[in-house]
Amino acid sequence: MLYAERMIIETDTAGNLKQLPKLPANSQIEAIFLVMEEQSQAVRQPHPDIAGKTIVVGDIFSSVSETDWNLPA
């Protein structure tokens, strides 16, 4: 069976792993490394045309039945 598990692994200034991840015993692991942008660039922000223009009026959570939110139990 094949399944994916997401891990964020950090490196030091020399590119060495700071901490080895815990992996399943007696398994073969295929790894694809995607280098993340620096934290300051990775933060998502709304488009400047809509930033700060949203106004929440009333109680948005009780406006719909809890079962309609499709949240895990």
PDB file of N, CA and C in Angstrom:
ATOM      1  N   MET A   1       0.845  -1.172   0.000  1.00  0.00           N
ATOM      2  CA  MET A   1       0.000   0.000   0.000  1.00  0.00           C
ATOM      3  C   MET A   1       0.893   1.239   0.000  1.00  0.00           C
ATOM      4  N   LEU A   2       0.503   2.216  -0.758  1.00  0.00           N
ATOM      5  CA  LEU A   2       1.250   3.456  -0.874  1.00  0.00           C
ATOM      6  C   LEU A   2       0.442   4.592  -0.270  1.00  0.00           C
ATOM      7  N   TYR A   3       1.062   5.365   0.612  1.00  0.00           N
ATOM      8  CA  TYR A   3       0.386   6.532   1.175  1.00  0.00           C
ATOM      9  C   TYR A   3       1.406   7.643   1.355  1.00  0.00           C
ATOM     10  N   ALA A   4       0.921   8.859   1.416  1.00  0.00           N
ATOM     11  CA  ALA A   4       1.798  10.020   1.560  1.00  0.00           C
ATOM     12  C   ALA A   4       1.729  10.544   2.980  1.00  0.00           C
ATOM     13  N   GLU A   5       2.848  11.000   3.449  1.00  0.00           N
ATOM     14  CA  GLU A   5       2.912  11.650   4.761  1.00  0.00           C
ATOM     15  C   GLU A   5       3.743  12.899   4.588  1.00  0.00           C
ATOM     16  N   ARG A   6       3.170  14.034   4.937  1.00  0.00           N
ATOM     17  CA  ARG A   6       3.873  15.302   4.774  1.00  0.00           C
ATOM     18  C   ARG A   6       4.720  15.587   6.002  1.00  0.00           C
ATOM     19  N   MET A   7       5.976  15.940   5.770  1.00  0.00           N
ATOM     20  CA  MET A   7       6.900  16.310   6.847  1.00  0.00           C
ATOM     21  C   MET A   7       7.602  17.592   6.431  1.00  0.00           C
ATOM     22  N   ILE A   8       7.804  18.476   7.370  1.00  0.00           N
ATOM     23  CA  ILE A   8       8.613  19.652   7.111  1.00  0.00           C
ATOM     24  C   ILE A   8       9.910  19.454   7.891  1.00  0.00           C
ATOM     25  N   ILE A   9      11.012  19.391   7.162  1.00  0.00           N
ATOM     26  CA  ILE A   9      12.320  19.100   7.746  1.00  0.00           C
ATOM     27  C   ILE A   9      13.190  20.340   7.556  1.00  0.00           C
ATOM     28  N   GLU A  10      13.857  20.773   8.614  1.00  0.00           N
ATOM     29  CA  GLU A  10      14.694  21.966   8.548  1.00  0.00           C
ATOM     30  C   GLU A  10      16.159  21.592   8.421  1.00  0.00           C
ATOM     31  N   THR A  11      16.915  22.475   7.763  1.00  0.00           N
ATOM     32  CA  THR A  11      18.362  22.287   7.638  1.00  0.00           C
ATOM     33  C   THR A  11      19.095  23.439   8.320  1.00  0.00           C
ATOM     34  N   ASP A  12      20.363  23.185   8.627  1.00  0.00           N
ATOM     35  CA  ASP A  12      21.184  24.234   9.228  1.00  0.00           C
ATOM     36  C   ASP A  12      21.847  25.054   8.121  1.00  0.00           C
ATOM     37  N   THR A  13      22.761  25.940   8.490  1.00  0.00           N
ATOM     38  CA  THR A  13      23.396  26.822   7.506  1.00  0.00           C
ATOM     39  C   THR A  13      24.267  26.062   6.512  1.00  0.00           C
ATOM     40  N   ALA A  14      24.683  24.841   6.837  1.00  0.00           N
ATOM     41  CA  ALA A  14      25.482  24.028   5.924  1.00  0.00           C
ATOM     42  C   ALA A  14      24.620  23.106   5.065  1.00  0.00           C
ATOM     43  N   GLY A  15      23.300  23.102   5.285  1.00  0.00           N
ATOM     44  CA  GLY A  15      22.408  22.247   4.518  1.00  0.00           C
ATOM     45  C   GLY A  15      22.207  20.869   5.122  1.00  0.00           C
ATOM     46  N   ASN A  16      22.696  20.649   6.320  1.00  0.00           N
ATOM     47  CA  ASN A  16      22.518  19.366   7.010  1.00  0.00           C
ATOM     48  C   ASN A  16      21.189  19.360   7.758  1.00  0.00           C
ATOM     49  N   LEU A  17      20.585  18.177   7.857  1.00  0.00           N
ATOM     50  CA  LEU A  17      19.326  18.067   8.586  1.00  0.00           C
ATOM     51  C   LEU A  17      19.532  18.410  10.052  1.00  0.00           C
ATOM     52  N   LYS A  18      18.623  19.232  10.599  1.00  0.00           N
ATOM     53  CA  LYS A  18      18.700  19.578  12.021  1.00  0.00           C
ATOM     54  C   LYS A  18      18.262  18.405  12.886  1.00  0.00           C
ATOM     55  N   GLN A  19      17.276  17.647  12.417  1.00  0.00           N
ATOM     56  CA  GLN A  19      16.746  16.527  13.190  1.00  0.00           C
ATOM     57  C   GLN A  19      16.269  15.462  12.214  1.00  0.00           C
ATOM     58  N   LEU A  20      16.609  14.205  12.460  1.00  0.00           N
ATOM     59  CA  LEU A  20      16.158  13.125  11.599  1.00  0.00           C
ATOM     60  C   LEU A  20      14.702  12.791  11.899  1.00  0.00           C
ATOM     61  N   PRO A  21      13.878  12.632  10.856  1.00  0.00           N
ATOM     62  CA  PRO A  21      12.466  12.299  11.092  1.00  0.00           C
ATOM     63  C   PRO A  21      12.292  10.844  11.495  1.00  0.00           C
ATOM     64  N   LYS A  22      11.237  10.554  12.219  1.00  0.00           N
ATOM     65  CA  LYS A  22      10.887   9.184  12.598  1.00  0.00           C
ATOM     66  C   LYS A  22      10.156   8.559  11.416  1.00  0.00           C
ATOM     67  N   LEU A  23      10.644   7.424  10.931  1.00  0.00           N
ATOM     68  CA  LEU A  23      10.084   6.766   9.762  1.00  0.00           C
ATOM     69  C   LEU A  23       9.618   5.362  10.123  1.00  0.00           C
ATOM     70  N   PRO A  24       8.729   4.777   9.307  1.00  0.00           N
ATOM     71  CA  PRO A  24       8.266   3.414   9.594  1.00  0.00           C
ATOM     72  C   PRO A  24       9.421   2.411   9.534  1.00  0.00           C
ATOM     73  N   ALA A  25       9.400   1.437  10.412  1.00  0.00           N
ATOM     74  CA  ALA A  25      10.457   0.424  10.463  1.00  0.00           C
ATOM     75  C   ALA A  25      10.372  -0.506   9.259  1.00  0.00           C
ATOM     76  N   ASN A  26      11.509  -0.978   8.801  1.00  0.00           N
ATOM     77  CA  ASN A  26      11.614  -1.973   7.728  1.00  0.00           C
ATOM     78  C   ASN A  26      10.818  -1.584   6.488  1.00  0.00           C
ATOM     79  N   SER A  27      10.947  -0.345   6.063  1.00  0.00           N
ATOM     80  CA  SER A  27      10.202   0.143   4.901  1.00  0.00           C
ATOM     81  C   SER A  27      11.135   0.829   3.918  1.00  0.00           C
ATOM     82  N   GLN A  28      10.723   0.858   2.658  1.00  0.00           N
ATOM     83  CA  GLN A  28      11.412   1.661   1.665  1.00  0.00           C
ATOM     84  C   GLN A  28      10.679   2.996   1.582  1.00  0.00           C
ATOM     85  N   ILE A  29      11.429   4.075   1.533  1.00  0.00           N
ATOM     86  CA  ILE A  29      10.846   5.413   1.506  1.00  0.00           C
ATOM     87  C   ILE A  29      11.306   6.109   0.237  1.00  0.00           C
ATOM     88  N   GLU A  30      10.362   6.645  -0.524  1.00  0.00           N
ATOM     89  CA  GLU A  30      10.703   7.491  -1.669  1.00  0.00           C
ATOM     90  C   GLU A  30      10.465   8.924  -1.228  1.00  0.00           C
ATOM     91  N   ALA A  31      11.467   9.778  -1.407  1.00  0.00           N
ATOM     92  CA  ALA A  31      11.337  11.160  -0.952  1.00  0.00           C
ATOM     93  C   ALA A  31      11.471  12.116  -2.128  1.00  0.00           C
ATOM     94  N   ILE A  32      10.609  13.089  -2.176  1.00  0.00           N
ATOM     95  CA  ILE A  32      10.702  14.192  -3.131  1.00  0.00           C
ATOM     96  C   ILE A  32      10.783  15.450  -2.287  1.00  0.00           C
ATOM     97  N   PHE A  33      11.837  16.208  -2.431  1.00  0.00           N
ATOM     98  CA  PHE A  33      12.038  17.382  -1.593  1.00  0.00           C
ATOM     99  C   PHE A  33      11.614  18.640  -2.336  1.00  0.00           C
ATOM    100  N   LEU A  34      10.699  19.383  -1.747  1.00  0.00           N
ATOM    101  CA  LEU A  34      10.266  20.671  -2.268  1.00  0.00           C
ATOM    102  C   LEU A  34      10.789  21.734  -1.316  1.00  0.00           C
ATOM    103  N   VAL A  35      11.685  22.568  -1.784  1.00  0.00           N
ATOM    104  CA  VAL A  35      12.277  23.585  -0.927  1.00  0.00           C
ATOM    105  C   VAL A  35      11.273  24.718  -0.766  1.00  0.00           C
ATOM    106  N   MET A  36      10.926  25.018   0.490  1.00  0.00           N
ATOM    107  CA  MET A  36       9.940  26.056   0.787  1.00  0.00           C
ATOM    108  C   MET A  36      10.594  27.426   0.695  1.00  0.00           C
ATOM    109  N   GLU A  37       9.785  28.404   0.309  1.00  0.00           N
ATOM    110  CA  GLU A  37      10.271  29.779   0.292  1.00  0.00           C
ATOM    111  C   GLU A  37      10.553  30.214   1.726  1.00  0.00           C
ATOM    112  N   GLU A  38      11.279  31.307   1.861  1.00  0.00           N
ATOM    113  CA  GLU A  38      11.515  31.833   3.201  1.00  0.00           C
ATOM    114  C   GLU A  38      10.183  32.179   3.842  1.00  0.00           C
ATOM    115  N   GLN A  39      10.121  32.082   5.156  1.00  0.00           N
ATOM    116  CA  GLN A  39       8.870  32.264   5.894  1.00  0.00           C
ATOM    117  C   GLN A  39       8.194  33.580   5.566  1.00  0.00           C
ATOM    118  N   SER A  40       8.944  34.656   5.417  1.00  0.00           N
ATOM    119  CA  SER A  40       8.325  35.957   5.170  1.00  0.00           C
ATOM    120  C   SER A  40       7.627  36.000   3.814  1.00  0.00           C
ATOM    121  N   GLN A  41       8.105  35.235   2.836  1.00  0.00           N
ATOM    122  CA  GLN A  41       7.497  35.216   1.518  1.00  0.00           C
ATOM    123  C   GLN A  41       6.370  34.195   1.426  1.00  0.00           C
ATOM    124  N   ALA A  42       6.371  33.182   2.299  1.00  0.00           N
ATOM    125  CA  ALA A  42       5.394  32.106   2.216  1.00  0.00           C
ATOM    126  C   ALA A  42       4.055  32.468   2.875  1.00  0.00           C
ATOM    127  N   VAL A  43       3.997  33.554   3.611  1.00  0.00           N
ATOM    128  CA  VAL A  43       2.766  33.945   4.290  1.00  0.00           C
ATOM    129  C   VAL A  43       1.779  34.490   3.259  1.00  0.00           C
ATOM    130  N   ARG A  44       0.587  33.908   3.239  1.00  0.00           N
ATOM    131  CA  ARG A  44      -0.426  34.347   2.283  1.00  0.00           C
ATOM    132  C   ARG A  44      -1.129  35.600   2.784  1.00  0.00           C
ATOM    133  N   GLN A  45      -1.399  36.497   1.865  1.00  0.00           N
ATOM    134  CA  GLN A  45      -2.094  37.724   2.200  1.00  0.00           C
ATOM    135  C   GLN A  45      -3.177  37.976   1.158  1.00  0.00           C
ATOM    136  N   PRO A  46      -4.260  38.631   1.548  1.00  0.00           N
ATOM    137  CA  PRO A  46      -5.299  38.947   0.567  1.00  0.00           C
ATOM    138  C   PRO A  46      -4.803  39.992  -0.434  1.00  0.00           C
ATOM    139  N   HIS A  47      -5.444  40.017  -1.575  1.00  0.00           N
ATOM    140  CA  HIS A  47      -5.111  41.023  -2.594  1.00  0.00           C
ATOM    141  C   HIS A  47      -5.342  42.414  -2.003  1.00  0.00           C
ATOM    142  N   PRO A  48      -4.470  43.359  -2.302  1.00  0.00           N
ATOM    143  CA  PRO A  48      -4.611  44.711  -1.736  1.00  0.00           C
ATOM    144  C   PRO A  48      -5.966  45.368  -2.009  1.00  0.00           C
ATOM    145  N   ASP A  49      -6.627  44.991  -3.102  1.00  0.00           N
ATOM    146  CA  ASP A  49      -7.927  45.591  -3.415  1.00  0.00           C
ATOM    147  C   ASP A  49      -9.023  45.177  -2.439  1.00  0.00           C
ATOM    148  N   ILE A  50      -8.852  44.014  -1.765  1.00  0.00           N
ATOM    149  CA  ILE A  50      -9.894  43.551  -0.842  1.00  0.00           C
ATOM    150  C   ILE A  50      -9.423  43.486   0.612  1.00  0.00           C
ATOM    151  N   ALA A  51      -8.141  43.707   0.851  1.00  0.00           N
ATOM    152  CA  ALA A  51      -7.595  43.625   2.210  1.00  0.00           C
ATOM    153  C   ALA A  51      -8.242  44.664   3.115  1.00  0.00           C
ATOM    154  N   GLY A  52      -8.735  44.206   4.267  1.00  0.00           N
ATOM    155  CA  GLY A  52      -9.299  45.101   5.260  1.00  0.00           C
ATOM    156  C   GLY A  52     -10.702  45.603   4.964  1.00  0.00           C
ATOM    157  N   LYS A  53     -11.333  45.089   3.918  1.00  0.00           N
ATOM    158  CA  LYS A  53     -12.659  45.576   3.548  1.00  0.00           C
ATOM    159  C   LYS A  53     -13.785  44.634   3.949  1.00  0.00           C
ATOM    160  N   THR A  54     -13.457  43.500   4.560  1.00  0.00           N
ATOM    161  CA  THR A  54     -14.474  42.537   4.968  1.00  0.00           C
ATOM    162  C   THR A  54     -15.015  42.915   6.339  1.00  0.00           C
ATOM    163  N   ILE A  55     -16.335  42.935   6.467  1.00  0.00           N
ATOM    164  CA  ILE A  55     -16.982  43.229   7.738  1.00  0.00           C
ATOM    165  C   ILE A  55     -17.887  42.052   8.078  1.00  0.00           C
ATOM    166  N   VAL A  56     -17.679  41.453   9.247  1.00  0.00           N
ATOM    167  CA  VAL A  56     -18.518  40.347   9.707  1.00  0.00           C
ATOM    168  C   VAL A  56     -19.634  40.940  10.546  1.00  0.00           C
ATOM    169  N   VAL A  57     -20.860  40.698  10.116  1.00  0.00           N
ATOM    170  CA  VAL A  57     -22.018  41.222  10.823  1.00  0.00           C
ATOM    171  C   VAL A  57     -22.802  40.041  11.374  1.00  0.00           C
ATOM    172  N   GLY A  58     -22.928  39.946  12.680  1.00  0.00           N
ATOM    173  CA  GLY A  58     -23.698  38.865  13.291  1.00  0.00           C
ATOM    174  C   GLY A  58     -22.853  37.640  13.587  1.00  0.00           C
ATOM    175  N   ASP A  59     -23.536  36.585  13.978  1.00  0.00           N
ATOM    176  CA  ASP A  59     -22.894  35.326  14.356  1.00  0.00           C
ATOM    177  C   ASP A  59     -22.876  34.396  13.148  1.00  0.00           C
ATOM    178  N   ILE A  60     -21.716  34.261  12.506  1.00  0.00           N
ATOM    179  CA  ILE A  60     -21.636  33.453  11.287  1.00  0.00           C
ATOM    180  C   ILE A  60     -21.660  31.958  11.576  1.00  0.00           C
ATOM    181  N   PHE A  61     -21.306  31.529  12.786  1.00  0.00           N
ATOM    182  CA  PHE A  61     -21.251  30.102  13.100  1.00  0.00           C
ATOM    183  C   PHE A  61     -22.623  29.491  13.345  1.00  0.00           C
ATOM    184  N   SER A  62     -23.522  30.238  13.919  1.00  0.00           N
ATOM    185  CA  SER A  62     -24.847  29.679  14.182  1.00  0.00           C
ATOM    186  C   SER A  62     -25.825  29.939  13.029  1.00  0.00           C
ATOM    187  N   SER A  63     -25.340  30.532  11.948  1.00  0.00           N
ATOM    188  CA  SER A  63     -26.212  30.808  10.816  1.00  0.00           C
ATOM    189  C   SER A  63     -26.544  29.552  10.016  1.00  0.00           C
ATOM    190  N   VAL A  64     -25.756  28.503  10.195  1.00  0.00           N
ATOM    191  CA  VAL A  64     -25.955  27.233   9.485  1.00  0.00           C
ATOM    192  C   VAL A  64     -25.877  26.113  10.512  1.00  0.00           C
ATOM    193  N   SER A  65     -26.622  25.051  10.281  1.00  0.00           N
ATOM    194  CA  SER A  65     -26.591  23.898  11.170  1.00  0.00           C
ATOM    195  C   SER A  65     -25.170  23.337  11.245  1.00  0.00           C
ATOM    196  N   GLU A  66     -24.779  22.865  12.416  1.00  0.00           N
ATOM    197  CA  GLU A  66     -23.428  22.343  12.616  1.00  0.00           C
ATOM    198  C   GLU A  66     -23.110  21.182  11.670  1.00  0.00           C
ATOM    199  N   THR A  67     -24.099  20.391  11.304  1.00  0.00           N
ATOM    200  CA  THR A  67     -23.871  19.269  10.388  1.00  0.00           C
ATOM    201  C   THR A  67     -23.546  19.743   8.976  1.00  0.00           C
ATOM    202  N   ASP A  68     -23.939  20.951   8.613  1.00  0.00           N
ATOM    203  CA  ASP A  68     -23.658  21.473   7.278  1.00  0.00           C
ATOM    204  C   ASP A  68     -22.221  21.967   7.112  1.00  0.00           C
ATOM    205  N   TRP A  69     -21.479  22.081   8.189  1.00  0.00           N
ATOM    206  CA  TRP A  69     -20.090  22.530   8.103  1.00  0.00           C
ATOM    207  C   TRP A  69     -19.166  21.416   7.598  1.00  0.00           C
ATOM    208  N   ASN A  70     -19.627  20.169   7.590  1.00  0.00           N
ATOM    209  CA  ASN A  70     -18.834  19.022   7.144  1.00  0.00           C
ATOM    210  C   ASN A  70     -17.506  18.891   7.892  1.00  0.00           C
ATOM    211  N   LEU A  71     -17.549  19.097   9.190  1.00  0.00           N
ATOM    212  CA  LEU A  71     -16.347  18.977  10.012  1.00  0.00           C
ATOM    213  C   LEU A  71     -16.184  17.541  10.476  1.00  0.00           C
ATOM    214  N   PRO A  72     -14.918  17.075  10.611  1.00  0.00           N
ATOM    215  CA  PRO A  72     -14.716  15.707  11.117  1.00  0.00           C
ATOM    216  C   PRO A  72     -15.175  15.588  12.567  1.00  0.00           C
ATOM    217  N   ALA A  73     -15.675  14.429  12.906  1.00  0.00           N
ATOM    218  CA  ALA A  73     -16.184  14.220  14.266  1.00  0.00           C
ATOM    219  C   ALA A  73     -15.069  14.054  15.269  1.00  0.00           C
TER     220      ALA A  73
END
